[in-house]
Amino acid sequence: MLRPFGLDFGLRPTMALLFDTAFVENYRKAECGGLAYFNLMDSEGNEEPFEFGFMMKNEKYADLFLDSLIAWQEKSGGDSNAIDMEFLEQKNGEYLLSFGPDLRLTIDRMLPAHLKEYVNPMAIQPFQSKAGMRISPSFRLFRDKYVKGRKVAVRYYIVDENYRVRKKSERYFVKTEFKFSKEGELTGDSLYNPLINRAIKKEKPPKKLMTDDDVKSERMKKLSYFFPLAHMRFFEENWLAEITKSVNTRYSSEQIFQAVCNILLLERLKKSNASNISTSSAGYDLCLLEHLIGTHESFDSYFPDITFFTKQSLEKQIRLDEKYFKTHSDK
């Protein structure tokens, strides 16, 4: 359903991205009892890590769990960083392994290229961990001998009740980097991992607010891009000048022009019978943005007669745009 809407081009609509969370449940059902490490001898007889993995009891869910991890890497062009893995040594003599999809790479591959500079992606990064393991000689050797860039195969091993390996997965993925941290000495991304950093408060992180100049710059950048002919007519040919002079002086020329563009957009959608767009439902701002990206203004675009625009219609539209700004700038 098409009806008058508010939209401020100075803000970027939020686009929610749904990460793969199935691995969390599959990992739990696979019943991981620990981690296994395997080494090779180098030319000088020194042990070097070449493989490690999850010791699991339920092969069906272990396989589904591994499916997720391999898929993250494949969908990111084989980038080993797509699977985030971090070992944390704790002060009580134990360590844990945290793992999950890398936030930056996952957003990069899920966010459509044509929307990247126009939206704010929003996603919750899922993590899982294997904790409660004593810092063993096998772990120490893996930690001390590992060199970033070294290829290490990661798979699962099916074990019995006594944790003896009975079978290993045929499939595996290769990791070339791991993170190693110590409790109380966290830096970088480790500070934002809730399984690594227990001190993270369960509340929204501080939002970086845009300044008035940021909003104005973003607004005019997008308006001039999506409505180039209207921009030229409004600012260079004084189109609608007599009408805009009557508009309340507290409104800036940028706000008035934005109102003109939003009115134009609605009327053009009506003319084109755009049945796939509803401005009466949540998320309409993202739908309108996608429409504008694929439908640039041209000399064939509809322009209503000058009498269509009035002081009342412009001020009503500006109020709708201001309401949109107040609602969405605080999110």
C-alpha atoms as a PDB file:
ATOM      1  CA  MET A   1       0.000   0.000   0.000  1.00  0.00           C
ATOM      2  CA  LEU A   2       1.388   3.391  -0.992  1.00  0.00           C
ATOM      3  CA  ARG A   3       0.791   6.314   1.293  1.00  0.00           C
ATOM      4  CA  PRO A   4       2.754   9.439   2.339  1.00  0.00           C
ATOM      5  CA  PHE A   5       5.936   8.495   4.192  1.00  0.00           C
ATOM      6  CA  GLY A   6       8.798  10.156   5.993  1.00  0.00           C
ATOM      7  CA  LEU A   7      12.385   9.536   4.893  1.00  0.00           C
ATOM      8  CA  ASP A   8      15.594  11.363   5.700  1.00  0.00           C
ATOM      9  CA  PHE A   9      18.408  10.639   3.272  1.00  0.00           C
ATOM     10  CA  GLY A  10      20.908  11.849   5.869  1.00  0.00           C
ATOM     11  CA  LEU A  11      20.456   8.572   7.758  1.00  0.00           C
ATOM     12  CA  ARG A  12      21.328   5.073   6.659  1.00  0.00           C
ATOM     13  CA  PRO A  13      18.580   2.466   7.099  1.00  0.00           C
ATOM     14  CA  THR A  14      19.445  -0.486   9.285  1.00  0.00           C
ATOM     15  CA  MET A  15      19.740  -3.805   7.487  1.00  0.00           C
ATOM     16  CA  ALA A  16      19.505  -6.838   9.758  1.00  0.00           C
ATOM     17  CA  LEU A  17      21.690  -9.792   8.789  1.00  0.00           C
ATOM     18  CA  LEU A  18      20.977 -13.303  10.065  1.00  0.00           C
ATOM     19  CA  PHE A  19      24.154 -15.229  10.849  1.00  0.00           C
ATOM     20  CA  ASP A  20      24.390 -19.020  10.782  1.00  0.00           C
ATOM     21  CA  THR A  21      23.497 -20.079  14.322  1.00  0.00           C
ATOM     22  CA  ALA A  22      22.767 -23.752  13.633  1.00  0.00           C
ATOM     23  CA  PHE A  23      26.351 -24.647  14.517  1.00  0.00           C
ATOM     24  CA  VAL A  24      25.668 -23.753  18.155  1.00  0.00           C
ATOM     25  CA  GLU A  25      22.925 -26.361  18.545  1.00  0.00           C
ATOM     26  CA  ASN A  26      24.744 -28.968  16.429  1.00  0.00           C
ATOM     27  CA  TYR A  27      27.892 -28.513  18.488  1.00  0.00           C
ATOM     28  CA  ARG A  28      25.932 -29.078  21.696  1.00  0.00           C
ATOM     29  CA  LYS A  29      24.252 -32.226  20.332  1.00  0.00           C
ATOM     30  CA  ALA A  30      27.572 -33.574  19.020  1.00  0.00           C
ATOM     31  CA  GLU A  31      28.777 -33.774  22.662  1.00  0.00           C
ATOM     32  CA  CYS A  32      32.306 -32.431  22.456  1.00  0.00           C
ATOM     33  CA  GLY A  33      34.478 -33.906  25.197  1.00  0.00           C
ATOM     34  CA  GLY A  34      37.726 -32.123  24.439  1.00  0.00           C
ATOM     35  CA  LEU A  35      40.312 -31.261  21.820  1.00  0.00           C
ATOM     36  CA  ALA A  36      42.892 -33.535  20.217  1.00  0.00           C
ATOM     37  CA  TYR A  37      46.264 -32.374  18.885  1.00  0.00           C
ATOM     38  CA  PHE A  38      48.511 -34.148  16.380  1.00  0.00           C
ATOM     39  CA  ASN A  39      52.052 -33.246  15.417  1.00  0.00           C
ATOM     40  CA  LEU A  40      54.635 -34.088  12.767  1.00  0.00           C
ATOM     41  CA  MET A  41      58.411 -34.253  12.977  1.00  0.00           C
ATOM     42  CA  ASP A  42      60.297 -31.668  10.931  1.00  0.00           C
ATOM     43  CA  SER A  43      63.613 -32.360   9.183  1.00  0.00           C
ATOM     44  CA  GLU A  44      65.467 -31.768  12.437  1.00  0.00           C
ATOM     45  CA  GLY A  45      63.309 -34.106  14.494  1.00  0.00           C
ATOM     46  CA  ASN A  46      61.259 -31.376  16.197  1.00  0.00           C
ATOM     47  CA  GLU A  47      57.524 -31.755  16.621  1.00  0.00           C
ATOM     48  CA  GLU A  48      55.341 -29.300  14.700  1.00  0.00           C
ATOM     49  CA  PRO A  49      51.519 -28.965  14.875  1.00  0.00           C
ATOM     50  CA  PHE A  50      49.759 -30.069  11.715  1.00  0.00           C
ATOM     51  CA  GLU A  51      46.252 -31.085  12.851  1.00  0.00           C
ATOM     52  CA  PHE A  52      43.820 -30.691  15.708  1.00  0.00           C
ATOM     53  CA  GLY A  53      40.104 -31.078  16.206  1.00  0.00           C
ATOM     54  CA  PHE A  54      37.038 -31.669  18.290  1.00  0.00           C
ATOM     55  CA  MET A  55      36.580 -34.959  20.127  1.00  0.00           C
ATOM     56  CA  MET A  56      32.879 -35.755  19.685  1.00  0.00           C
ATOM     57  CA  LYS A  57      30.491 -38.630  20.423  1.00  0.00           C
ATOM     58  CA  ASN A  58      27.591 -38.044  18.028  1.00  0.00           C
ATOM     59  CA  GLU A  59      28.752 -38.302  14.416  1.00  0.00           C
ATOM     60  CA  LYS A  60      25.508 -37.009  12.855  1.00  0.00           C
ATOM     61  CA  TYR A  61      25.655 -33.674  14.640  1.00  0.00           C
ATOM     62  CA  ALA A  62      29.442 -33.494  14.459  1.00  0.00           C
ATOM     63  CA  ASP A  63      29.097 -33.637  10.680  1.00  0.00           C
ATOM     64  CA  LEU A  64      26.435 -30.897  10.641  1.00  0.00           C
ATOM     65  CA  PHE A  65      28.627 -28.769  12.914  1.00  0.00           C
ATOM     66  CA  LEU A  66      31.591 -29.161  10.585  1.00  0.00           C
ATOM     67  CA  ASP A  67      29.345 -28.317   7.615  1.00  0.00           C
ATOM     68  CA  SER A  68      28.798 -24.847   9.031  1.00  0.00           C
ATOM     69  CA  LEU A  69      32.467 -24.093   9.628  1.00  0.00           C
ATOM     70  CA  ILE A  70      33.518 -25.296   6.190  1.00  0.00           C
ATOM     71  CA  ALA A  71      30.694 -23.291   4.575  1.00  0.00           C
ATOM     72  CA  TRP A  72      31.827 -20.039   6.230  1.00  0.00           C
ATOM     73  CA  GLN A  73      35.267 -20.483   4.743  1.00  0.00           C
ATOM     74  CA  GLU A  74      34.046 -21.501   1.290  1.00  0.00           C
ATOM     75  CA  LYS A  75      31.589 -18.592   1.103  1.00  0.00           C
ATOM     76  CA  SER A  76      34.429 -16.210   1.953  1.00  0.00           C
ATOM     77  CA  GLY A  77      36.550 -17.387  -0.955  1.00  0.00           C
ATOM     78  CA  GLY A  78      38.560 -19.840   1.113  1.00  0.00           C
ATOM     79  CA  ASP A  79      39.704 -17.185   3.594  1.00  0.00           C
ATOM     80  CA  SER A  80      40.870 -18.963   6.740  1.00  0.00           C
ATOM     81  CA  ASN A  81      39.907 -15.927   8.832  1.00  0.00           C
ATOM     82  CA  ALA A  82      36.211 -16.627   8.145  1.00  0.00           C
ATOM     83  CA  ILE A  83      36.311 -19.029  11.111  1.00  0.00           C
ATOM     84  CA  ASP A  84      37.320 -17.135  14.234  1.00  0.00           C
ATOM     85  CA  MET A  85      39.210 -19.330  16.701  1.00  0.00           C
ATOM     86  CA  GLU A  86      40.759 -18.078  19.904  1.00  0.00           C
ATOM     87  CA  PHE A  87      42.413 -19.945  22.784  1.00  0.00           C
ATOM     88  CA  LEU A  88      42.184 -18.312  26.217  1.00  0.00           C
ATOM     89  CA  GLU A  89      44.455 -19.386  29.071  1.00  0.00           C
ATOM     90  CA  GLN A  90      42.776 -18.848  32.414  1.00  0.00           C
ATOM     91  CA  LYS A  91      44.313 -18.112  35.779  1.00  0.00           C
ATOM     92  CA  ASN A  92      42.886 -21.315  37.268  1.00  0.00           C
ATOM     93  CA  GLY A  93      45.117 -23.463  35.038  1.00  0.00           C
ATOM     94  CA  GLU A  94      42.443 -24.219  32.477  1.00  0.00           C
ATOM     95  CA  TYR A  95      41.910 -22.969  28.940  1.00  0.00           C
ATOM     96  CA  LEU A  96      39.050 -22.655  26.504  1.00  0.00           C
ATOM     97  CA  LEU A  97      38.621 -22.427  22.758  1.00  0.00           C
ATOM     98  CA  SER A  98      36.128 -19.889  21.435  1.00  0.00           C
ATOM     99  CA  PHE A  99      34.926 -20.239  17.853  1.00  0.00           C
ATOM    100  CA  GLY A 100      32.374 -18.675  15.539  1.00  0.00           C
ATOM    101  CA  PRO A 101      31.983 -16.834  12.228  1.00  0.00           C
ATOM    102  CA  ASP A 102      34.197 -13.798  11.775  1.00  0.00           C
ATOM    103  CA  LEU A 103      31.981 -10.711  12.058  1.00  0.00           C
ATOM    104  CA  ARG A 104      33.637  -8.530   9.409  1.00  0.00           C
ATOM    105  CA  LEU A 105      33.982 -11.206   6.744  1.00  0.00           C
ATOM    106  CA  THR A 106      30.461 -12.512   7.314  1.00  0.00           C
ATOM    107  CA  ILE A 107      28.905  -9.063   6.984  1.00  0.00           C
ATOM    108  CA  ASP A 108      31.025  -8.390   3.905  1.00  0.00           C
ATOM    109  CA  ARG A 109      29.800 -11.506   2.118  1.00  0.00           C
ATOM    110  CA  MET A 110      26.161 -11.188   3.217  1.00  0.00           C
ATOM    111  CA  LEU A 111      25.663  -7.495   2.483  1.00  0.00           C
ATOM    112  CA  PRO A 112      24.729  -6.932  -1.186  1.00  0.00           C
ATOM    113  CA  ALA A 113      27.437  -4.903  -2.934  1.00  0.00           C
ATOM    114  CA  HIS A 114      24.979  -2.299  -4.222  1.00  0.00           C
ATOM    115  CA  LEU A 115      23.810  -1.517  -0.667  1.00  0.00           C
ATOM    116  CA  LYS A 116      27.129  -1.342   1.187  1.00  0.00           C
ATOM    117  CA  GLU A 117      27.517   2.439   1.059  1.00  0.00           C
ATOM    118  CA  TYR A 118      23.856   3.131   1.806  1.00  0.00           C
ATOM    119  CA  VAL A 119      22.902   1.023   4.849  1.00  0.00           C
ATOM    120  CA  ASN A 120      24.055   0.234   8.367  1.00  0.00           C
ATOM    121  CA  PRO A 121      24.369  -3.553   8.728  1.00  0.00           C
ATOM    122  CA  MET A 122      23.241  -4.999  12.034  1.00  0.00           C
ATOM    123  CA  ALA A 123      24.096  -8.507  13.188  1.00  0.00           C
ATOM    124  CA  ILE A 124      24.727 -10.431  16.380  1.00  0.00           C
ATOM    125  CA  GLN A 125      27.895 -12.488  16.230  1.00  0.00           C
ATOM    126  CA  PRO A 126      27.262 -16.023  17.582  1.00  0.00           C
ATOM    127  CA  PHE A 127      30.057 -17.730  19.519  1.00  0.00           C
ATOM    128  CA  GLN A 128      30.490 -21.201  20.994  1.00  0.00           C
ATOM    129  CA  SER A 129      33.272 -22.576  23.138  1.00  0.00           C
ATOM    130  CA  LYS A 130      34.859 -25.646  24.630  1.00  0.00           C
ATOM    131  CA  ALA A 131      35.936 -24.836  28.158  1.00  0.00           C
ATOM    132  CA  GLY A 132      37.105 -26.607  31.308  1.00  0.00           C
ATOM    133  CA  MET A 133      40.250 -28.154  29.788  1.00  0.00           C
ATOM    134  CA  ARG A 134      43.513 -28.286  31.719  1.00  0.00           C
ATOM    135  CA  ILE A 135      46.521 -26.608  30.125  1.00  0.00           C
ATOM    136  CA  SER A 136      48.214 -29.788  28.925  1.00  0.00           C
ATOM    137  CA  PRO A 137      51.622 -30.470  27.317  1.00  0.00           C
ATOM    138  CA  SER A 138      49.783 -31.049  24.014  1.00  0.00           C
ATOM    139  CA  PHE A 139      48.196 -27.594  24.159  1.00  0.00           C
ATOM    140  CA  ARG A 140      51.468 -25.949  25.200  1.00  0.00           C
ATOM    141  CA  LEU A 141      53.293 -27.547  22.267  1.00  0.00           C
ATOM    142  CA  PHE A 142      50.558 -26.394  19.868  1.00  0.00           C
ATOM    143  CA  ARG A 143      50.697 -22.863  21.305  1.00  0.00           C
ATOM    144  CA  ASP A 144      54.479 -22.576  21.385  1.00  0.00           C
ATOM    145  CA  LYS A 145      55.203 -24.197  18.041  1.00  0.00           C
ATOM    146  CA  TYR A 146      52.413 -22.603  16.045  1.00  0.00           C
ATOM    147  CA  VAL A 147      53.562 -19.935  13.593  1.00  0.00           C
ATOM    148  CA  LYS A 148      51.047 -17.698  11.853  1.00  0.00           C
ATOM    149  CA  GLY A 149      50.643 -18.850   8.278  1.00  0.00           C
ATOM    150  CA  ARG A 150      51.328 -22.503   9.048  1.00  0.00           C
ATOM    151  CA  LYS A 151      48.600 -24.735   7.621  1.00  0.00           C
ATOM    152  CA  VAL A 152      46.774 -26.701  10.286  1.00  0.00           C
ATOM    153  CA  ALA A 153      43.958 -29.110   9.418  1.00  0.00           C
ATOM    154  CA  VAL A 154      40.876 -28.892  11.647  1.00  0.00           C
ATOM    155  CA  ARG A 155      38.358 -31.745  11.773  1.00  0.00           C
ATOM    156  CA  TYR A 156      36.359 -33.779  14.286  1.00  0.00           C
ATOM    157  CA  TYR A 157      37.184 -37.155  15.839  1.00  0.00           C
ATOM    158  CA  ILE A 158      34.569 -39.623  17.006  1.00  0.00           C
ATOM    159  CA  VAL A 159      35.539 -40.970  20.431  1.00  0.00           C
ATOM    160  CA  ASP A 160      34.189 -43.629  22.774  1.00  0.00           C
ATOM    161  CA  GLU A 161      33.229 -43.229  26.444  1.00  0.00           C
ATOM    162  CA  ASN A 162      36.912 -43.295  27.391  1.00  0.00           C
ATOM    163  CA  TYR A 163      37.739 -40.645  24.780  1.00  0.00           C
ATOM    164  CA  ARG A 164      39.707 -43.024  22.602  1.00  0.00           C
ATOM    165  CA  VAL A 165      39.591 -41.925  18.953  1.00  0.00           C
ATOM    166  CA  ARG A 166      37.571 -44.415  16.886  1.00  0.00           C
ATOM    167  CA  LYS A 167      37.150 -42.418  13.683  1.00  0.00           C
ATOM    168  CA  LYS A 168      38.116 -39.112  12.172  1.00  0.00           C
ATOM    169  CA  SER A 169      36.110 -37.030   9.717  1.00  0.00           C
ATOM    170  CA  GLU A 170      37.088 -37.347   6.097  1.00  0.00           C
ATOM    171  CA  ARG A 171      36.419 -33.661   5.573  1.00  0.00           C
ATOM    172  CA  TYR A 172      38.322 -30.855   7.260  1.00  0.00           C
ATOM    173  CA  PHE A 173      39.224 -27.214   6.737  1.00  0.00           C
ATOM    174  CA  VAL A 174      42.613 -25.561   6.892  1.00  0.00           C
ATOM    175  CA  LYS A 175      43.367 -22.748   9.335  1.00  0.00           C
ATOM    176  CA  THR A 176      46.427 -20.569   8.946  1.00  0.00           C
ATOM    177  CA  GLU A 177      45.915 -18.333  11.971  1.00  0.00           C
ATOM    178  CA  PHE A 178      44.757 -18.734  15.562  1.00  0.00           C
ATOM    179  CA  LYS A 179      44.470 -16.245  18.395  1.00  0.00           C
ATOM    180  CA  PHE A 180      46.054 -16.911  21.774  1.00  0.00           C
ATOM    181  CA  SER A 181      45.093 -14.837  24.818  1.00  0.00           C
ATOM    182  CA  LYS A 182      45.535 -14.832  28.568  1.00  0.00           C
ATOM    183  CA  GLU A 183      42.932 -13.924  31.139  1.00  0.00           C
ATOM    184  CA  GLY A 184      43.461 -10.348  32.299  1.00  0.00           C
ATOM    185  CA  GLU A 185      45.640  -9.454  29.298  1.00  0.00           C
ATOM    186  CA  LEU A 186      43.069  -9.070  26.532  1.00  0.00           C
ATOM    187  CA  THR A 187      43.574  -6.737  23.595  1.00  0.00           C
ATOM    188  CA  GLY A 188      41.966  -5.956  20.233  1.00  0.00           C
ATOM    189  CA  ASP A 189      38.944  -7.989  19.122  1.00  0.00           C
ATOM    190  CA  SER A 190      39.296 -10.264  22.165  1.00  0.00           C
ATOM    191  CA  LEU A 191      37.790  -7.490  24.276  1.00  0.00           C
ATOM    192  CA  TYR A 192      34.513  -7.805  22.354  1.00  0.00           C
ATOM    193  CA  ASN A 193      34.172 -11.584  22.512  1.00  0.00           C
ATOM    194  CA  PRO A 194      31.680 -12.331  25.328  1.00  0.00           C
ATOM    195  CA  LEU A 195      33.080 -15.830  25.883  1.00  0.00           C
ATOM    196  CA  ILE A 196      36.656 -14.561  26.138  1.00  0.00           C
ATOM    197  CA  ASN A 197      35.931 -11.348  28.007  1.00  0.00           C
ATOM    198  CA  ARG A 198      33.480 -12.062  30.798  1.00  0.00           C
ATOM    199  CA  ALA A 199      33.622  -8.404  31.830  1.00  0.00           C
ATOM    200  CA  ILE A 200      31.557  -7.319  28.809  1.00  0.00           C
ATOM    201  CA  LYS A 201      28.343  -5.740  30.018  1.00  0.00           C
ATOM    202  CA  LYS A 202      25.157  -7.066  28.485  1.00  0.00           C
ATOM    203  CA  GLU A 203      23.997  -3.752  27.122  1.00  0.00           C
ATOM    204  CA  LYS A 204      24.121  -1.869  23.855  1.00  0.00           C
ATOM    205  CA  PRO A 205      27.566  -0.438  22.999  1.00  0.00           C
ATOM    206  CA  PRO A 206      27.777   3.357  22.828  1.00  0.00           C
ATOM    207  CA  LYS A 207      26.417   4.601  19.521  1.00  0.00           C
ATOM    208  CA  LYS A 208      28.544   6.867  17.374  1.00  0.00           C
ATOM    209  CA  LEU A 209      26.250   9.796  16.716  1.00  0.00           C
ATOM    210  CA  MET A 210      26.372  11.676  13.446  1.00  0.00           C
ATOM    211  CA  THR A 211      26.882  15.432  13.646  1.00  0.00           C
ATOM    212  CA  ASP A 212      24.495  17.859  11.944  1.00  0.00           C
ATOM    213  CA  ASP A 213      27.132  18.431   9.267  1.00  0.00           C
ATOM    214  CA  ASP A 214      27.456  14.665   8.724  1.00  0.00           C
ATOM    215  CA  VAL A 215      23.692  14.312   8.267  1.00  0.00           C
ATOM    216  CA  LYS A 216      23.483  17.299   5.912  1.00  0.00           C
ATOM    217  CA  SER A 217      26.399  16.050   3.813  1.00  0.00           C
ATOM    218  CA  GLU A 218      24.991  12.520   3.590  1.00  0.00           C
ATOM    219  CA  ARG A 219      21.533  13.841   2.788  1.00  0.00           C
ATOM    220  CA  MET A 220      22.602  16.072  -0.080  1.00  0.00           C
ATOM    221  CA  LYS A 221      25.037  13.518  -1.456  1.00  0.00           C
ATOM    222  CA  LYS A 222      22.287  10.929  -1.851  1.00  0.00           C
ATOM    223  CA  LEU A 223      19.583  13.361  -2.990  1.00  0.00           C
ATOM    224  CA  SER A 224      21.777  14.774  -5.748  1.00  0.00           C
ATOM    225  CA  TYR A 225      22.684  11.237  -6.824  1.00  0.00           C
ATOM    226  CA  PHE A 226      19.163   9.794  -6.880  1.00  0.00           C
ATOM    227  CA  PHE A 227      17.429  12.958  -8.105  1.00  0.00           C
ATOM    228  CA  PRO A 228      19.952  14.739 -10.386  1.00  0.00           C
ATOM    229  CA  LEU A 229      17.358  16.452 -12.599  1.00  0.00           C
ATOM    230  CA  ALA A 230      15.227  17.602  -9.687  1.00  0.00           C
ATOM    231  CA  HIS A 231      18.408  18.887  -8.019  1.00  0.00           C
ATOM    232  CA  MET A 232      19.368  20.899 -11.103  1.00  0.00           C
ATOM    233  CA  ARG A 233      15.866  22.324 -11.531  1.00  0.00           C
ATOM    234  CA  PHE A 234      15.499  23.194  -7.851  1.00  0.00           C
ATOM    235  CA  PHE A 235      18.906  24.756  -7.159  1.00  0.00           C
ATOM    236  CA  GLU A 236      19.947  26.048 -10.600  1.00  0.00           C
ATOM    237  CA  GLU A 237      16.700  26.850 -12.389  1.00  0.00           C
ATOM    238  CA  ASN A 238      14.722  28.081  -9.352  1.00  0.00           C
ATOM    239  CA  TRP A 239      11.997  25.544  -9.952  1.00  0.00           C
ATOM    240  CA  LEU A 240       9.331  25.937  -7.229  1.00  0.00           C
ATOM    241  CA  ALA A 241      11.023  29.113  -5.967  1.00  0.00           C
ATOM    242  CA  GLU A 242       7.773  31.015  -5.467  1.00  0.00           C
ATOM    243  CA  ILE A 243       6.238  28.189  -3.471  1.00  0.00           C
ATOM    244  CA  THR A 244       9.301  27.515  -1.306  1.00  0.00           C
ATOM    245  CA  LYS A 245       9.466  31.195  -0.331  1.00  0.00           C
ATOM    246  CA  SER A 246       6.204  30.709   1.519  1.00  0.00           C
ATOM    247  CA  VAL A 247       7.436  27.748   3.535  1.00  0.00           C
ATOM    248  CA  ASN A 248       8.203  28.320   7.224  1.00  0.00           C
ATOM    249  CA  THR A 249      11.650  29.932   7.503  1.00  0.00           C
ATOM    250  CA  ARG A 250      12.769  27.478  10.164  1.00  0.00           C
ATOM    251  CA  TYR A 251      13.108  24.845   7.438  1.00  0.00           C
ATOM    252  CA  SER A 252      16.357  24.789   5.477  1.00  0.00           C
ATOM    253  CA  SER A 253      16.551  24.603   1.689  1.00  0.00           C
ATOM    254  CA  GLU A 254      17.948  21.069   2.065  1.00  0.00           C
ATOM    255  CA  GLN A 255      14.896  19.986   4.074  1.00  0.00           C
ATOM    256  CA  ILE A 256      12.557  21.546   1.518  1.00  0.00           C
ATOM    257  CA  PHE A 257      14.361  19.878  -1.379  1.00  0.00           C
ATOM    258  CA  GLN A 258      14.235  16.530   0.420  1.00  0.00           C
ATOM    259  CA  ALA A 259      10.488  16.987   0.877  1.00  0.00           C
ATOM    260  CA  VAL A 260      10.127  17.695  -2.843  1.00  0.00           C
ATOM    261  CA  CYS A 261      12.070  14.522  -3.679  1.00  0.00           C
ATOM    262  CA  ASN A 262      10.008  12.353  -1.334  1.00  0.00           C
ATOM    263  CA  ILE A 263       6.784  13.705  -2.826  1.00  0.00           C
ATOM    264  CA  LEU A 264       8.170  13.053  -6.310  1.00  0.00           C
ATOM    265  CA  LEU A 265       9.132   9.517  -5.318  1.00  0.00           C
ATOM    266  CA  LEU A 266       5.670   8.724  -3.987  1.00  0.00           C
ATOM    267  CA  GLU A 267       3.947  10.076  -7.090  1.00  0.00           C
ATOM    268  CA  ARG A 268       6.285   8.166  -9.393  1.00  0.00           C
ATOM    269  CA  LEU A 269       5.610   4.944  -7.505  1.00  0.00           C
ATOM    270  CA  LYS A 270       1.884   5.530  -7.909  1.00  0.00           C
ATOM    271  CA  LYS A 271       2.309   6.136 -11.635  1.00  0.00           C
ATOM    272  CA  SER A 272       4.347   2.960 -12.076  1.00  0.00           C
ATOM    273  CA  ASN A 273       1.905   0.839 -10.053  1.00  0.00           C
ATOM    274  CA  ALA A 274       4.767  -0.440  -7.888  1.00  0.00           C
ATOM    275  CA  SER A 275       2.874  -3.275  -6.201  1.00  0.00           C
ATOM    276  CA  ASN A 276       6.056  -4.689  -4.655  1.00  0.00           C
ATOM    277  CA  ILE A 277       6.578  -1.623  -2.452  1.00  0.00           C
ATOM    278  CA  SER A 278       4.484  -0.725   0.569  1.00  0.00           C
ATOM    279  CA  THR A 279       5.203   2.491   2.423  1.00  0.00           C
ATOM    280  CA  SER A 280       2.803   1.527   5.192  1.00  0.00           C
ATOM    281  CA  SER A 281       4.862  -1.338   6.616  1.00  0.00           C
ATOM    282  CA  ALA A 282       8.111  -1.554   8.594  1.00  0.00           C
ATOM    283  CA  GLY A 283      11.277  -1.567   6.521  1.00  0.00           C
ATOM    284  CA  TYR A 284       9.840   0.600   3.768  1.00  0.00           C
ATOM    285  CA  ASP A 285      12.924   2.832   3.906  1.00  0.00           C
ATOM    286  CA  LEU A 286      15.150  -0.051   2.792  1.00  0.00           C
ATOM    287  CA  CYS A 287      12.678  -0.987   0.035  1.00  0.00           C
ATOM    288  CA  LEU A 288      12.619   2.603  -1.237  1.00  0.00           C
ATOM    289  CA  LEU A 289      16.397   2.748  -1.194  1.00  0.00           C
ATOM    290  CA  GLU A 290      16.693  -0.442  -3.241  1.00  0.00           C
ATOM    291  CA  HIS A 291      14.126   0.951  -5.690  1.00  0.00           C
ATOM    292  CA  LEU A 292      16.086   4.169  -6.117  1.00  0.00           C
ATOM    293  CA  ILE A 293      19.358   2.304  -6.637  1.00  0.00           C
ATOM    294  CA  GLY A 294      17.788   0.382  -9.511  1.00  0.00           C
ATOM    295  CA  THR A 295      15.688   3.228 -10.936  1.00  0.00           C
ATOM    296  CA  HIS A 296      17.683   6.389 -11.523  1.00  0.00           C
ATOM    297  CA  GLU A 297      15.994   9.642 -12.441  1.00  0.00           C
ATOM    298  CA  SER A 298      16.014  10.490 -16.163  1.00  0.00           C
ATOM    299  CA  PHE A 299      14.331  12.841 -18.616  1.00  0.00           C
ATOM    300  CA  ASP A 300      11.523  10.286 -18.830  1.00  0.00           C
ATOM    301  CA  SER A 301      10.853  10.473 -15.078  1.00  0.00           C
ATOM    302  CA  TYR A 302       7.487  11.883 -14.044  1.00  0.00           C
ATOM    303  CA  PHE A 303       7.328  15.495 -12.829  1.00  0.00           C
ATOM    304  CA  PRO A 304       3.910  16.752 -11.718  1.00  0.00           C
ATOM    305  CA  ASP A 305       2.738  20.208 -12.674  1.00  0.00           C
ATOM    306  CA  ILE A 306       4.130  23.007 -10.532  1.00  0.00           C
ATOM    307  CA  THR A 307       0.682  23.607  -9.053  1.00  0.00           C
ATOM    308  CA  PHE A 308       0.819  20.152  -7.490  1.00  0.00           C
ATOM    309  CA  PHE A 309       3.237  21.499  -4.852  1.00  0.00           C
ATOM    310  CA  THR A 310       1.878  23.794  -2.172  1.00  0.00           C
ATOM    311  CA  LYS A 311       3.122  25.329   1.048  1.00  0.00           C
ATOM    312  CA  GLN A 312       0.910  22.916   2.981  1.00  0.00           C
ATOM    313  CA  SER A 313       2.052  19.777   1.121  1.00  0.00           C
ATOM    314  CA  LEU A 314       5.743  20.665   1.521  1.00  0.00           C
ATOM    315  CA  GLU A 315       5.456  21.461   5.225  1.00  0.00           C
ATOM    316  CA  LYS A 316       3.445  18.294   5.834  1.00  0.00           C
ATOM    317  CA  GLN A 317       6.161  16.257   4.109  1.00  0.00           C
ATOM    318  CA  ILE A 318       8.913  17.969   6.081  1.00  0.00           C
ATOM    319  CA  ARG A 319       7.135  17.068   9.328  1.00  0.00           C
ATOM    320  CA  LEU A 320       6.968  13.438   8.196  1.00  0.00           C
ATOM    321  CA  ASP A 321      10.699  13.519   7.389  1.00  0.00           C
ATOM    322  CA  GLU A 322      11.489  15.070  10.766  1.00  0.00           C
ATOM    323  CA  LYS A 323       9.465  12.378  12.516  1.00  0.00           C
ATOM    324  CA  TYR A 324      11.411   9.713  10.626  1.00  0.00           C
ATOM    325  CA  PHE A 325      14.694  11.365  11.645  1.00  0.00           C
ATOM    326  CA  LYS A 326      13.752  11.561  15.326  1.00  0.00           C
ATOM    327  CA  THR A 327      12.641   7.931  15.350  1.00  0.00           C
ATOM    328  CA  HIS A 328      15.597   6.450  13.492  1.00  0.00           C
ATOM    329  CA  SER A 329      18.507   8.632  14.604  1.00  0.00           C
ATOM    330  CA  ASP A 330      18.213   7.253  18.150  1.00  0.00           C
ATOM    331  CA  LYS A 331      18.447   3.586  17.133  1.00  0.00           C
END
